[in-house]
Amino acid sequence: MATRLEEDRAAIDRIDEQLAKLFEQRFNIVRDIIEYKYENRLPILDSGRETEIIERNSRLVKDDDIRRYFRMTYAHMIELSREYQDDILKEK
């Protein structure tokens, strides 16, 4: 019989698999957006939207203590998205 620690670790592993798939999906969409913006000569950076989505998505986290870490993680993911966009634009 699995211990609680083993069960919790297995649960985290399953969540991490989902996160990896969602991360890849998100970045594929980021790539589509940057290519659309590039082709249509639209502004690349929309810092107002970045702030808006951090605020909106942070409200989805009910636990106040965890929300702070979510905000930091989400802000970093947006920063990584910008780096990814820059890398794509360098190839153009």
N, C-alpha and C. Protein backbone atom coordinates (compact mmCIF):
# COMPACT_ATOMS: atom_id res chain seq x y z
N MET A 1 0.84 -1.18 0.00
CA MET A 1 0.00 0.00 0.00
C MET A 1 0.89 1.25 0.00
N ALA A 2 0.53 2.22 -0.83
CA ALA A 2 1.31 3.45 -0.95
C ALA A 2 1.11 4.33 0.29
N THR A 3 2.19 4.97 0.66
CA THR A 3 2.10 5.91 1.78
C THR A 3 1.49 7.21 1.30
N ARG A 4 1.09 8.03 2.23
CA ARG A 4 0.52 9.33 1.86
C ARG A 4 1.54 10.16 1.08
N LEU A 5 2.80 10.09 1.48
CA LEU A 5 3.86 10.82 0.77
C LEU A 5 3.94 10.36 -0.68
N GLU A 6 3.90 9.06 -0.90
CA GLU A 6 3.96 8.53 -2.26
C GLU A 6 2.73 8.94 -3.06
N GLU A 7 1.58 8.92 -2.43
CA GLU A 7 0.34 9.34 -3.11
C GLU A 7 0.40 10.82 -3.47
N ASP A 8 0.87 11.64 -2.55
CA ASP A 8 0.99 13.08 -2.82
C ASP A 8 1.98 13.35 -3.94
N ARG A 9 3.10 12.65 -3.92
CA ARG A 9 4.10 12.82 -4.99
C ARG A 9 3.54 12.38 -6.33
N ALA A 10 2.78 11.30 -6.34
CA ALA A 10 2.16 10.84 -7.59
C ALA A 10 1.14 11.87 -8.09
N ALA A 11 0.41 12.47 -7.16
CA ALA A 11 -0.56 13.51 -7.54
C ALA A 11 0.16 14.71 -8.14
N ILE A 12 1.28 15.10 -7.55
CA ILE A 12 2.07 16.22 -8.08
C ILE A 12 2.60 15.86 -9.47
N ASP A 13 3.06 14.63 -9.65
CA ASP A 13 3.56 14.20 -10.96
C ASP A 13 2.47 14.33 -12.03
N ARG A 14 1.25 13.94 -11.69
CA ARG A 14 0.13 14.04 -12.64
C ARG A 14 -0.17 15.51 -12.98
N ILE A 15 -0.13 16.35 -11.97
CA ILE A 15 -0.36 17.79 -12.19
C ILE A 15 0.76 18.37 -13.05
N ASP A 16 2.00 17.97 -12.77
CA ASP A 16 3.13 18.48 -13.55
C ASP A 16 3.01 18.08 -15.03
N GLU A 17 2.52 16.88 -15.28
CA GLU A 17 2.29 16.46 -16.67
C GLU A 17 1.28 17.38 -17.35
N GLN A 18 0.22 17.70 -16.64
CA GLN A 18 -0.79 18.61 -17.19
C GLN A 18 -0.21 19.99 -17.42
N LEU A 19 0.57 20.48 -16.45
CA LEU A 19 1.18 21.80 -16.59
C LEU A 19 2.11 21.86 -17.80
N ALA A 20 2.89 20.80 -18.00
CA ALA A 20 3.81 20.77 -19.14
C ALA A 20 3.04 20.85 -20.46
N LYS A 21 1.95 20.11 -20.56
CA LYS A 21 1.14 20.13 -21.78
C LYS A 21 0.50 21.50 -21.99
N LEU A 22 -0.01 22.09 -20.92
CA LEU A 22 -0.63 23.42 -21.02
C LEU A 22 0.41 24.49 -21.35
N PHE A 23 1.59 24.37 -20.78
CA PHE A 23 2.67 25.32 -21.06
C PHE A 23 3.02 25.28 -22.55
N GLU A 24 3.16 24.07 -23.08
CA GLU A 24 3.47 23.93 -24.50
C GLU A 24 2.34 24.50 -25.36
N GLN A 25 1.10 24.21 -25.01
CA GLN A 25 -0.04 24.76 -25.76
C GLN A 25 -0.02 26.28 -25.73
N ARG A 26 0.24 26.84 -24.55
CA ARG A 26 0.26 28.30 -24.41
C ARG A 26 1.34 28.92 -25.30
N PHE A 27 2.53 28.32 -25.28
CA PHE A 27 3.62 28.88 -26.06
C PHE A 27 3.40 28.69 -27.56
N ASN A 28 2.71 27.63 -27.97
CA ASN A 28 2.35 27.48 -29.39
C ASN A 28 1.42 28.60 -29.81
N ILE A 29 0.50 28.97 -28.95
CA ILE A 29 -0.42 30.08 -29.25
C ILE A 29 0.34 31.40 -29.25
N VAL A 30 1.28 31.57 -28.32
CA VAL A 30 2.12 32.78 -28.30
C VAL A 30 2.83 32.91 -29.65
N ARG A 31 3.36 31.79 -30.16
CA ARG A 31 4.03 31.81 -31.45
C ARG A 31 3.06 32.25 -32.56
N ASP A 32 1.84 31.72 -32.54
CA ASP A 32 0.85 32.11 -33.55
C ASP A 32 0.55 33.61 -33.47
N ILE A 33 0.41 34.12 -32.25
CA ILE A 33 0.10 35.54 -32.07
C ILE A 33 1.25 36.41 -32.58
N ILE A 34 2.49 36.06 -32.23
CA ILE A 34 3.62 36.89 -32.65
C ILE A 34 3.76 36.87 -34.16
N GLU A 35 3.50 35.74 -34.78
CA GLU A 35 3.58 35.68 -36.24
C GLU A 35 2.48 36.53 -36.87
N TYR A 36 1.29 36.49 -36.30
CA TYR A 36 0.20 37.32 -36.80
C TYR A 36 0.54 38.81 -36.66
N LYS A 37 1.01 39.18 -35.48
CA LYS A 37 1.37 40.58 -35.25
C LYS A 37 2.48 41.02 -36.20
N TYR A 38 3.47 40.18 -36.40
CA TYR A 38 4.59 40.51 -37.29
C TYR A 38 4.09 40.69 -38.73
N GLU A 39 3.29 39.74 -39.20
CA GLU A 39 2.78 39.80 -40.57
C GLU A 39 1.89 41.01 -40.81
N ASN A 40 1.16 41.42 -39.77
CA ASN A 40 0.23 42.55 -39.90
C ASN A 40 0.77 43.85 -39.35
N ARG A 41 2.06 43.85 -39.04
CA ARG A 41 2.76 45.05 -38.55
C ARG A 41 2.05 45.69 -37.35
N LEU A 42 1.64 44.83 -36.43
CA LEU A 42 0.98 45.30 -35.21
C LEU A 42 2.01 45.42 -34.09
N PRO A 43 1.74 46.27 -33.11
CA PRO A 43 2.67 46.38 -31.98
C PRO A 43 2.82 45.01 -31.28
N ILE A 44 4.05 44.71 -30.92
CA ILE A 44 4.33 43.41 -30.31
C ILE A 44 3.97 43.42 -28.83
N LEU A 45 4.45 44.40 -28.10
CA LEU A 45 4.26 44.44 -26.65
C LEU A 45 2.95 45.15 -26.30
N ASP A 46 2.21 44.52 -25.41
CA ASP A 46 0.97 45.11 -24.89
C ASP A 46 1.01 44.94 -23.36
N SER A 47 1.78 45.83 -22.70
CA SER A 47 1.99 45.68 -21.26
C SER A 47 0.68 45.85 -20.48
N GLY A 48 -0.25 46.62 -21.00
CA GLY A 48 -1.54 46.76 -20.34
C GLY A 48 -2.28 45.43 -20.28
N ARG A 49 -2.20 44.69 -21.37
CA ARG A 49 -2.84 43.37 -21.39
C ARG A 49 -2.14 42.42 -20.43
N GLU A 50 -0.83 42.51 -20.36
CA GLU A 50 -0.09 41.64 -19.45
C GLU A 50 -0.54 41.87 -18.01
N THR A 51 -0.63 43.12 -17.62
CA THR A 51 -1.08 43.45 -16.27
C THR A 51 -2.51 42.96 -16.04
N GLU A 52 -3.34 43.16 -17.04
CA GLU A 52 -4.75 42.74 -16.94
C GLU A 52 -4.87 41.22 -16.74
N ILE A 53 -4.11 40.44 -17.48
CA ILE A 53 -4.27 38.99 -17.35
C ILE A 53 -3.67 38.47 -16.04
N ILE A 54 -2.63 39.13 -15.55
CA ILE A 54 -2.10 38.74 -14.24
C ILE A 54 -3.15 38.99 -13.17
N GLU A 55 -3.77 40.16 -13.21
CA GLU A 55 -4.80 40.50 -12.22
C GLU A 55 -6.00 39.56 -12.33
N ARG A 56 -6.48 39.36 -13.55
CA ARG A 56 -7.66 38.52 -13.75
C ARG A 56 -7.41 37.09 -13.30
N ASN A 57 -6.30 36.53 -13.71
CA ASN A 57 -6.02 35.14 -13.37
C ASN A 57 -5.66 34.96 -11.90
N SER A 58 -5.09 35.96 -11.29
CA SER A 58 -4.77 35.88 -9.86
C SER A 58 -6.04 35.76 -9.03
N ARG A 59 -7.11 36.37 -9.50
CA ARG A 59 -8.37 36.28 -8.77
C ARG A 59 -8.95 34.86 -8.77
N LEU A 60 -8.48 34.02 -9.67
CA LEU A 60 -8.95 32.64 -9.72
C LEU A 60 -8.39 31.80 -8.56
N VAL A 61 -7.31 32.26 -7.97
CA VAL A 61 -6.70 31.55 -6.84
C VAL A 61 -7.38 32.03 -5.57
N LYS A 62 -8.04 31.14 -4.90
CA LYS A 62 -8.84 31.51 -3.72
C LYS A 62 -8.00 31.71 -2.46
N ASP A 63 -6.94 30.95 -2.31
CA ASP A 63 -6.10 31.02 -1.11
C ASP A 63 -5.18 32.25 -1.21
N ASP A 64 -5.36 33.20 -0.29
CA ASP A 64 -4.58 34.44 -0.31
C ASP A 64 -3.07 34.19 -0.25
N ASP A 65 -2.65 33.23 0.56
CA ASP A 65 -1.21 32.94 0.69
C ASP A 65 -0.65 32.39 -0.62
N ILE A 66 -1.40 31.55 -1.28
CA ILE A 66 -0.94 30.94 -2.53
C ILE A 66 -1.01 31.93 -3.68
N ARG A 67 -1.98 32.83 -3.64
CA ARG A 67 -2.16 33.81 -4.72
C ARG A 67 -0.88 34.60 -4.98
N ARG A 68 -0.19 34.97 -3.92
CA ARG A 68 1.06 35.73 -4.07
C ARG A 68 2.07 34.95 -4.92
N TYR A 69 2.18 33.66 -4.68
CA TYR A 69 3.13 32.84 -5.44
C TYR A 69 2.65 32.61 -6.87
N PHE A 70 1.35 32.51 -7.02
CA PHE A 70 0.79 32.39 -8.36
C PHE A 70 1.13 33.63 -9.18
N ARG A 71 0.96 34.80 -8.58
CA ARG A 71 1.25 36.05 -9.28
C ARG A 71 2.70 36.09 -9.73
N MET A 72 3.61 35.70 -8.85
CA MET A 72 5.03 35.70 -9.19
C MET A 72 5.32 34.71 -10.32
N THR A 73 4.72 33.53 -10.22
CA THR A 73 4.93 32.50 -11.24
C THR A 73 4.35 32.96 -12.58
N TYR A 74 3.17 33.52 -12.54
CA TYR A 74 2.50 33.96 -13.76
C TYR A 74 3.27 35.12 -14.40
N ALA A 75 3.74 36.05 -13.60
CA ALA A 75 4.53 37.17 -14.13
C ALA A 75 5.79 36.65 -14.80
N HIS A 76 6.41 35.64 -14.20
CA HIS A 76 7.61 35.07 -14.80
C HIS A 76 7.28 34.35 -16.11
N MET A 77 6.14 33.68 -16.17
CA MET A 77 5.74 33.02 -17.40
C MET A 77 5.53 34.05 -18.51
N ILE A 78 4.96 35.17 -18.18
CA ILE A 78 4.77 36.23 -19.18
C ILE A 78 6.12 36.76 -19.64
N GLU A 79 7.05 36.91 -18.71
CA GLU A 79 8.40 37.34 -19.07
C GLU A 79 9.04 36.32 -20.02
N LEU A 80 8.87 35.04 -19.75
CA LEU A 80 9.40 34.00 -20.63
C LEU A 80 8.71 34.04 -21.99
N SER A 81 7.43 34.35 -22.01
CA SER A 81 6.70 34.48 -23.27
C SER A 81 7.30 35.60 -24.11
N ARG A 82 7.65 36.70 -23.46
CA ARG A 82 8.28 37.82 -24.18
C ARG A 82 9.63 37.39 -24.75
N GLU A 83 10.41 36.66 -23.97
CA GLU A 83 11.70 36.16 -24.46
C GLU A 83 11.50 35.25 -25.66
N TYR A 84 10.50 34.39 -25.58
CA TYR A 84 10.18 33.49 -26.69
C TYR A 84 9.80 34.31 -27.93
N GLN A 85 8.99 35.34 -27.74
CA GLN A 85 8.61 36.20 -28.86
C GLN A 85 9.85 36.86 -29.47
N ASP A 86 10.75 37.34 -28.61
CA ASP A 86 11.99 37.95 -29.11
C ASP A 86 12.80 36.96 -29.93
N ASP A 87 12.88 35.73 -29.46
CA ASP A 87 13.62 34.70 -30.19
C ASP A 87 13.00 34.44 -31.56
N ILE A 88 11.69 34.40 -31.61
CA ILE A 88 10.98 34.19 -32.89
C ILE A 88 11.26 35.35 -33.81
N LEU A 89 11.20 36.58 -33.30
CA LEU A 89 11.43 37.75 -34.15
C LEU A 89 12.86 37.82 -34.67
N LYS A 90 13.81 37.32 -33.90
CA LYS A 90 15.21 37.30 -34.35
C LYS A 90 15.39 36.42 -35.58
N GLU A 91 14.53 35.41 -35.71
CA GLU A 91 14.60 34.50 -36.85
C GLU A 91 14.00 35.11 -38.10
N LYS A 92 13.25 36.18 -37.97
CA LYS A 92 12.56 36.79 -39.11
C LYS A 92 13.48 37.74 -39.85
